[in-house]
N, C-alpha and C. Protein backbone atom coordinates (compact mmCIF):
# COMPACT_ATOMS: atom_id res chain seq x y z
N MET A 1 0.81 -1.19 0.00
CA MET A 1 0.00 0.00 0.00
C MET A 1 0.85 1.26 0.00
N SER A 2 2.03 1.15 -0.59
CA SER A 2 2.92 2.30 -0.63
C SER A 2 2.38 3.42 -1.51
N LEU A 3 1.39 3.13 -2.35
CA LEU A 3 0.78 4.16 -3.19
C LEU A 3 0.10 5.25 -2.37
N ILE A 4 -0.18 4.96 -1.10
CA ILE A 4 -0.95 5.92 -0.30
C ILE A 4 -0.15 6.55 0.84
N HIS A 5 1.07 6.07 1.09
CA HIS A 5 1.89 6.64 2.16
C HIS A 5 2.12 8.13 1.89
N ASP A 6 1.84 8.95 2.88
CA ASP A 6 1.97 10.40 2.81
C ASP A 6 0.90 11.08 1.95
N ASN A 7 -0.09 10.33 1.47
CA ASN A 7 -1.19 10.97 0.76
C ASN A 7 -2.05 11.76 1.73
N VAL A 8 -2.62 12.84 1.23
CA VAL A 8 -3.54 13.67 1.99
C VAL A 8 -4.96 13.16 1.73
N ILE A 9 -5.76 13.01 2.79
CA ILE A 9 -7.15 12.64 2.62
C ILE A 9 -7.92 13.90 2.23
N VAL A 10 -8.42 13.91 1.01
CA VAL A 10 -9.14 15.05 0.47
C VAL A 10 -10.60 15.02 0.94
N SER A 11 -11.20 13.84 0.88
CA SER A 11 -12.58 13.64 1.32
C SER A 11 -12.81 12.15 1.49
N TYR A 12 -13.96 11.83 2.10
CA TYR A 12 -14.33 10.42 2.17
C TYR A 12 -15.84 10.29 2.14
N GLU A 13 -16.29 9.14 1.67
CA GLU A 13 -17.72 8.86 1.55
C GLU A 13 -18.03 7.58 2.31
N VAL A 14 -19.08 7.63 3.10
CA VAL A 14 -19.59 6.44 3.78
C VAL A 14 -20.95 6.14 3.16
N ASP A 15 -21.02 5.06 2.41
CA ASP A 15 -22.24 4.64 1.74
C ASP A 15 -22.83 3.47 2.54
N LEU A 16 -23.68 3.78 3.50
CA LEU A 16 -24.24 2.76 4.38
C LEU A 16 -25.14 1.79 3.62
N GLN A 17 -25.87 2.29 2.63
CA GLN A 17 -26.78 1.46 1.86
C GLN A 17 -26.05 0.36 1.11
N ASN A 18 -24.85 0.68 0.61
CA ASN A 18 -24.09 -0.27 -0.21
C ASN A 18 -22.86 -0.83 0.50
N ASP A 19 -22.76 -0.62 1.81
CA ASP A 19 -21.67 -1.19 2.62
C ASP A 19 -20.29 -0.85 2.03
N ARG A 20 -20.09 0.44 1.77
CA ARG A 20 -18.86 0.87 1.09
C ARG A 20 -18.35 2.17 1.70
N ILE A 21 -17.04 2.25 1.87
CA ILE A 21 -16.39 3.49 2.29
C ILE A 21 -15.28 3.78 1.29
N THR A 22 -15.22 5.01 0.83
CA THR A 22 -14.18 5.43 -0.11
C THR A 22 -13.44 6.63 0.46
N LEU A 23 -12.13 6.51 0.57
CA LEU A 23 -11.28 7.64 0.95
C LEU A 23 -10.65 8.17 -0.33
N HIS A 24 -10.87 9.44 -0.62
CA HIS A 24 -10.27 10.08 -1.79
C HIS A 24 -8.99 10.77 -1.31
N THR A 25 -7.86 10.39 -1.92
CA THR A 25 -6.57 10.91 -1.45
C THR A 25 -5.78 11.53 -2.59
N LEU A 26 -4.78 12.31 -2.20
CA LEU A 26 -3.94 13.00 -3.16
C LEU A 26 -2.49 12.97 -2.69
N ASN A 27 -1.60 12.56 -3.59
CA ASN A 27 -0.17 12.69 -3.35
C ASN A 27 0.20 14.08 -3.87
N GLU A 28 0.51 14.99 -2.97
CA GLU A 28 0.74 16.38 -3.38
C GLU A 28 2.02 16.56 -4.19
N ALA A 29 2.98 15.67 -4.04
CA ALA A 29 4.22 15.79 -4.80
C ALA A 29 4.00 15.44 -6.28
N SER A 30 3.27 14.34 -6.53
CA SER A 30 3.06 13.89 -7.91
C SER A 30 1.70 14.29 -8.48
N LEU A 31 0.82 14.80 -7.61
CA LEU A 31 -0.56 15.15 -7.95
C LEU A 31 -1.39 13.92 -8.35
N GLN A 32 -0.89 12.73 -8.00
CA GLN A 32 -1.63 11.49 -8.25
C GLN A 32 -2.78 11.36 -7.27
N GLN A 33 -3.98 11.14 -7.81
CA GLN A 33 -5.15 10.91 -6.98
C GLN A 33 -5.36 9.40 -6.85
N THR A 34 -5.65 8.96 -5.64
CA THR A 34 -5.86 7.54 -5.39
C THR A 34 -7.03 7.38 -4.44
N ASP A 35 -7.90 6.43 -4.76
CA ASP A 35 -9.01 6.10 -3.87
C ASP A 35 -8.68 4.84 -3.10
N ILE A 36 -9.07 4.83 -1.84
CA ILE A 36 -8.98 3.64 -1.01
C ILE A 36 -10.43 3.21 -0.81
N VAL A 37 -10.78 2.04 -1.34
CA VAL A 37 -12.18 1.62 -1.36
C VAL A 37 -12.34 0.36 -0.51
N TYR A 38 -13.14 0.48 0.54
CA TYR A 38 -13.49 -0.66 1.37
C TYR A 38 -14.88 -1.13 0.94
N THR A 39 -15.03 -2.44 0.72
CA THR A 39 -16.33 -2.97 0.35
C THR A 39 -16.76 -4.05 1.34
N ASP A 40 -18.04 -4.31 1.34
CA ASP A 40 -18.65 -5.22 2.32
C ASP A 40 -18.28 -4.77 3.73
N VAL A 41 -18.47 -3.49 3.97
CA VAL A 41 -18.14 -2.89 5.27
C VAL A 41 -19.21 -3.28 6.29
N LEU A 42 -18.76 -3.71 7.45
CA LEU A 42 -19.67 -4.01 8.55
C LEU A 42 -19.79 -2.80 9.48
N CYS A 43 -18.64 -2.22 9.85
CA CYS A 43 -18.65 -1.05 10.72
C CYS A 43 -17.30 -0.35 10.61
N HIS A 44 -17.26 0.85 11.15
CA HIS A 44 -16.02 1.62 11.11
C HIS A 44 -16.02 2.64 12.25
N SER A 45 -14.86 3.19 12.51
CA SER A 45 -14.73 4.27 13.47
C SER A 45 -13.57 5.17 13.03
N PHE A 46 -13.88 6.41 12.77
CA PHE A 46 -12.84 7.39 12.45
C PHE A 46 -12.87 8.48 13.51
N GLU A 47 -11.72 9.04 13.79
CA GLU A 47 -11.65 10.19 14.70
C GLU A 47 -10.59 11.16 14.20
N HIS A 48 -10.63 12.33 14.76
CA HIS A 48 -9.68 13.40 14.42
C HIS A 48 -9.73 13.78 12.94
N GLN A 49 -10.96 13.76 12.36
CA GLN A 49 -11.10 14.18 10.97
C GLN A 49 -10.76 15.66 10.88
N MET A 50 -9.87 15.98 9.99
CA MET A 50 -9.50 17.37 9.80
C MET A 50 -8.88 17.57 8.43
N LYS A 51 -8.92 18.78 7.98
CA LYS A 51 -8.33 19.15 6.70
C LYS A 51 -6.84 18.84 6.72
N ARG A 52 -6.36 18.29 5.60
CA ARG A 52 -4.94 17.97 5.40
C ARG A 52 -4.45 16.78 6.24
N SER A 53 -5.37 15.88 6.57
CA SER A 53 -4.96 14.64 7.25
C SER A 53 -4.03 13.86 6.33
N ILE A 54 -2.94 13.36 6.88
CA ILE A 54 -1.91 12.67 6.10
C ILE A 54 -1.84 11.21 6.52
N ILE A 55 -1.95 10.31 5.54
CA ILE A 55 -1.91 8.87 5.81
C ILE A 55 -0.47 8.42 6.03
N LEU A 56 -0.26 7.72 7.12
CA LEU A 56 1.02 7.06 7.37
C LEU A 56 0.97 5.66 6.76
N ALA A 57 -0.09 4.91 7.09
CA ALA A 57 -0.22 3.54 6.57
C ALA A 57 -1.62 3.02 6.84
N ILE A 58 -1.96 1.99 6.12
CA ILE A 58 -3.14 1.19 6.44
C ILE A 58 -2.61 -0.22 6.70
N THR A 59 -2.91 -0.72 7.89
CA THR A 59 -2.42 -2.04 8.27
C THR A 59 -3.59 -2.96 8.57
N GLU A 60 -3.39 -4.24 8.31
CA GLU A 60 -4.42 -5.22 8.61
C GLU A 60 -3.98 -6.04 9.82
N TYR A 61 -4.92 -6.22 10.75
CA TYR A 61 -4.67 -7.02 11.95
C TYR A 61 -5.72 -8.12 12.05
N GLN A 62 -5.48 -9.05 12.92
CA GLN A 62 -6.40 -10.15 13.17
C GLN A 62 -7.68 -9.65 13.83
N ILE A 63 -8.76 -10.38 13.63
CA ILE A 63 -10.04 -10.05 14.27
C ILE A 63 -9.88 -10.05 15.79
N SER A 64 -9.04 -10.91 16.31
CA SER A 64 -8.83 -10.93 17.77
C SER A 64 -8.27 -9.60 18.27
N ASN A 65 -7.47 -8.93 17.45
CA ASN A 65 -6.98 -7.59 17.82
C ASN A 65 -8.12 -6.57 17.83
N PHE A 66 -9.05 -6.71 16.88
CA PHE A 66 -10.22 -5.83 16.86
C PHE A 66 -11.02 -5.99 18.15
N ILE A 67 -11.27 -7.24 18.52
CA ILE A 67 -12.04 -7.52 19.74
C ILE A 67 -11.33 -6.93 20.96
N ALA A 68 -10.05 -7.23 21.11
CA ALA A 68 -9.30 -6.77 22.29
C ALA A 68 -9.22 -5.25 22.35
N GLY A 69 -9.03 -4.60 21.22
CA GLY A 69 -8.86 -3.16 21.19
C GLY A 69 -10.14 -2.36 21.31
N ASN A 70 -11.28 -3.03 21.14
CA ASN A 70 -12.56 -2.32 21.12
C ASN A 70 -13.58 -2.95 22.06
N LEU A 71 -13.11 -3.65 23.07
CA LEU A 71 -13.99 -4.40 23.97
C LEU A 71 -15.05 -3.51 24.62
N GLY A 72 -14.65 -2.36 25.12
CA GLY A 72 -15.61 -1.45 25.75
C GLY A 72 -16.67 -0.98 24.78
N MET A 73 -16.27 -0.62 23.58
CA MET A 73 -17.21 -0.16 22.56
C MET A 73 -18.16 -1.29 22.17
N LEU A 74 -17.63 -2.51 22.07
CA LEU A 74 -18.46 -3.66 21.71
C LEU A 74 -19.49 -3.96 22.79
N GLN A 75 -19.08 -3.86 24.04
CA GLN A 75 -20.02 -4.11 25.14
C GLN A 75 -21.13 -3.05 25.15
N LYS A 76 -20.77 -1.80 24.88
CA LYS A 76 -21.78 -0.73 24.83
C LYS A 76 -22.75 -0.91 23.67
N GLY A 77 -22.24 -1.37 22.53
CA GLY A 77 -23.06 -1.52 21.33
C GLY A 77 -23.89 -2.78 21.30
N LYS A 78 -23.54 -3.73 22.14
CA LYS A 78 -24.20 -5.05 22.13
C LYS A 78 -25.71 -4.95 22.22
N ASP A 79 -26.23 -4.12 23.12
CA ASP A 79 -27.68 -4.01 23.30
C ASP A 79 -28.38 -3.32 22.13
N TYR A 80 -27.61 -2.75 21.23
CA TYR A 80 -28.16 -2.06 20.06
C TYR A 80 -27.90 -2.82 18.76
N GLY A 81 -27.39 -4.06 18.89
CA GLY A 81 -27.13 -4.87 17.70
C GLY A 81 -25.92 -4.44 16.92
N TRP A 82 -24.99 -3.77 17.62
CA TRP A 82 -23.78 -3.28 16.93
C TRP A 82 -22.57 -4.07 17.38
N PRO A 83 -21.72 -4.51 16.48
CA PRO A 83 -21.83 -4.36 15.02
C PRO A 83 -22.78 -5.38 14.40
N VAL A 84 -23.08 -6.45 15.14
CA VAL A 84 -24.11 -7.44 14.79
C VAL A 84 -24.71 -7.90 16.12
N PHE A 85 -25.81 -8.60 16.05
CA PHE A 85 -26.36 -9.17 17.29
C PHE A 85 -25.47 -10.32 17.75
N PHE A 86 -25.13 -10.34 19.04
CA PHE A 86 -24.33 -11.42 19.60
C PHE A 86 -24.61 -11.53 21.09
N GLU A 87 -24.38 -12.71 21.62
CA GLU A 87 -24.58 -12.94 23.05
C GLU A 87 -23.27 -12.83 23.82
N THR A 88 -22.21 -13.42 23.27
CA THR A 88 -20.91 -13.40 23.95
C THR A 88 -19.85 -12.87 23.00
N ILE A 89 -18.76 -12.41 23.57
CA ILE A 89 -17.64 -11.93 22.75
C ILE A 89 -17.08 -13.06 21.89
N ASP A 90 -17.01 -14.26 22.43
CA ASP A 90 -16.54 -15.41 21.65
C ASP A 90 -17.43 -15.66 20.44
N GLU A 91 -18.75 -15.53 20.65
CA GLU A 91 -19.70 -15.70 19.54
C GLU A 91 -19.47 -14.62 18.48
N LEU A 92 -19.26 -13.38 18.93
CA LEU A 92 -19.00 -12.29 17.99
C LEU A 92 -17.74 -12.57 17.16
N GLU A 93 -16.67 -12.96 17.84
CA GLU A 93 -15.41 -13.24 17.13
C GLU A 93 -15.60 -14.35 16.09
N LYS A 94 -16.31 -15.41 16.48
CA LYS A 94 -16.57 -16.51 15.55
C LYS A 94 -17.37 -16.01 14.34
N THR A 95 -18.38 -15.19 14.58
CA THR A 95 -19.20 -14.64 13.49
C THR A 95 -18.36 -13.81 12.52
N LEU A 96 -17.48 -12.99 13.06
CA LEU A 96 -16.64 -12.13 12.21
C LEU A 96 -15.64 -12.95 11.41
N VAL A 97 -15.02 -13.92 12.04
CA VAL A 97 -14.04 -14.77 11.35
C VAL A 97 -14.73 -15.60 10.27
N GLU A 98 -15.84 -16.23 10.62
CA GLU A 98 -16.56 -17.04 9.63
C GLU A 98 -17.13 -16.18 8.50
N GLY A 99 -17.45 -14.93 8.81
CA GLY A 99 -17.95 -14.01 7.79
C GLY A 99 -16.85 -13.42 6.92
N LYS A 100 -15.59 -13.80 7.22
CA LYS A 100 -14.42 -13.35 6.45
C LYS A 100 -14.21 -11.83 6.52
N TYR A 101 -14.55 -11.26 7.67
CA TYR A 101 -14.28 -9.83 7.85
C TYR A 101 -12.82 -9.62 8.19
N ARG A 102 -12.31 -8.48 7.76
CA ARG A 102 -10.91 -8.11 7.99
C ARG A 102 -10.88 -6.79 8.74
N TYR A 103 -9.85 -6.63 9.56
CA TYR A 103 -9.72 -5.46 10.43
C TYR A 103 -8.58 -4.59 9.91
N PHE A 104 -8.94 -3.42 9.37
CA PHE A 104 -7.97 -2.49 8.79
C PHE A 104 -7.83 -1.25 9.68
N ASN A 105 -6.61 -0.91 10.01
CA ASN A 105 -6.34 0.31 10.78
C ASN A 105 -5.79 1.38 9.86
N LEU A 106 -6.36 2.56 9.97
CA LEU A 106 -5.87 3.74 9.26
C LEU A 106 -5.01 4.52 10.23
N LEU A 107 -3.71 4.57 9.96
CA LEU A 107 -2.78 5.30 10.80
C LEU A 107 -2.39 6.59 10.09
N SER A 108 -2.38 7.67 10.83
CA SER A 108 -2.02 8.94 10.21
C SER A 108 -0.77 9.51 10.86
N SER A 109 -0.05 10.29 10.08
CA SER A 109 1.04 11.06 10.67
C SER A 109 0.51 12.41 11.12
N TYR A 110 -0.72 12.72 10.66
CA TYR A 110 -1.36 13.98 11.04
C TYR A 110 -2.85 13.85 10.76
N GLY A 111 -3.68 14.03 11.77
CA GLY A 111 -5.12 14.09 11.55
C GLY A 111 -5.86 12.77 11.66
N MET A 112 -6.76 12.53 10.71
CA MET A 112 -7.74 11.45 10.76
C MET A 112 -7.10 10.08 10.89
N ASN A 113 -7.64 9.30 11.82
CA ASN A 113 -7.22 7.92 11.98
C ASN A 113 -8.43 7.10 12.39
N GLY A 114 -8.27 5.79 12.43
CA GLY A 114 -9.38 4.94 12.84
C GLY A 114 -9.24 3.55 12.27
N TRP A 115 -10.39 2.89 12.11
CA TRP A 115 -10.39 1.52 11.62
C TRP A 115 -11.66 1.24 10.82
N VAL A 116 -11.56 0.18 10.01
CA VAL A 116 -12.70 -0.29 9.21
C VAL A 116 -12.72 -1.81 9.31
N LEU A 117 -13.90 -2.36 9.54
CA LEU A 117 -14.11 -3.80 9.51
C LEU A 117 -14.85 -4.09 8.21
N ALA A 118 -14.17 -4.72 7.27
CA ALA A 118 -14.73 -4.95 5.94
C ALA A 118 -14.17 -6.25 5.38
N ARG A 119 -14.78 -6.72 4.34
CA ARG A 119 -14.27 -7.95 3.71
C ARG A 119 -13.16 -7.64 2.71
N ASN A 120 -13.20 -6.46 2.11
CA ASN A 120 -12.24 -6.17 1.03
C ASN A 120 -11.74 -4.72 1.11
N ILE A 121 -10.56 -4.54 0.55
CA ILE A 121 -10.01 -3.20 0.35
C ILE A 121 -9.35 -3.18 -1.02
N GLU A 122 -9.46 -2.06 -1.70
CA GLU A 122 -8.82 -1.90 -3.01
C GLU A 122 -8.22 -0.50 -3.09
N ILE A 123 -7.00 -0.42 -3.59
CA ILE A 123 -6.33 0.86 -3.82
C ILE A 123 -6.46 1.15 -5.32
N VAL A 124 -7.14 2.26 -5.64
CA VAL A 124 -7.50 2.55 -7.03
C VAL A 124 -6.91 3.88 -7.47
N PRO A 125 -5.80 3.86 -8.24
CA PRO A 125 -5.29 5.11 -8.80
C PRO A 125 -6.31 5.69 -9.78
N ARG A 126 -6.44 7.04 -9.78
CA ARG A 126 -7.38 7.67 -10.72
C ARG A 126 -6.62 8.46 -11.76
């Protein structure tokens, strides 16, 4: 994913109806525009959204890391069916693994960061 290192996030779209998130980015040195497209998105969390956010990297971790890193959020969302209906954390982890969901972290050197739980990611130069 070196195509996106140091790219600036210009805008992003969250399409809840079609389970898709698109980050529109720009490499200011080459003026190359690149989209980062997540499909079959289950849930996401972004914070520190701001103008001129700079991507450091997007890394993929195991679902077990998602569970461990977001346990409090998952417990709070459980009664609301978020991210899916589940009775126990073990049941949730099994559902996510069997559903082939992947845990992507958006790391920034400046500004917006967060994560996306989706089945796929594609880096699309424009």
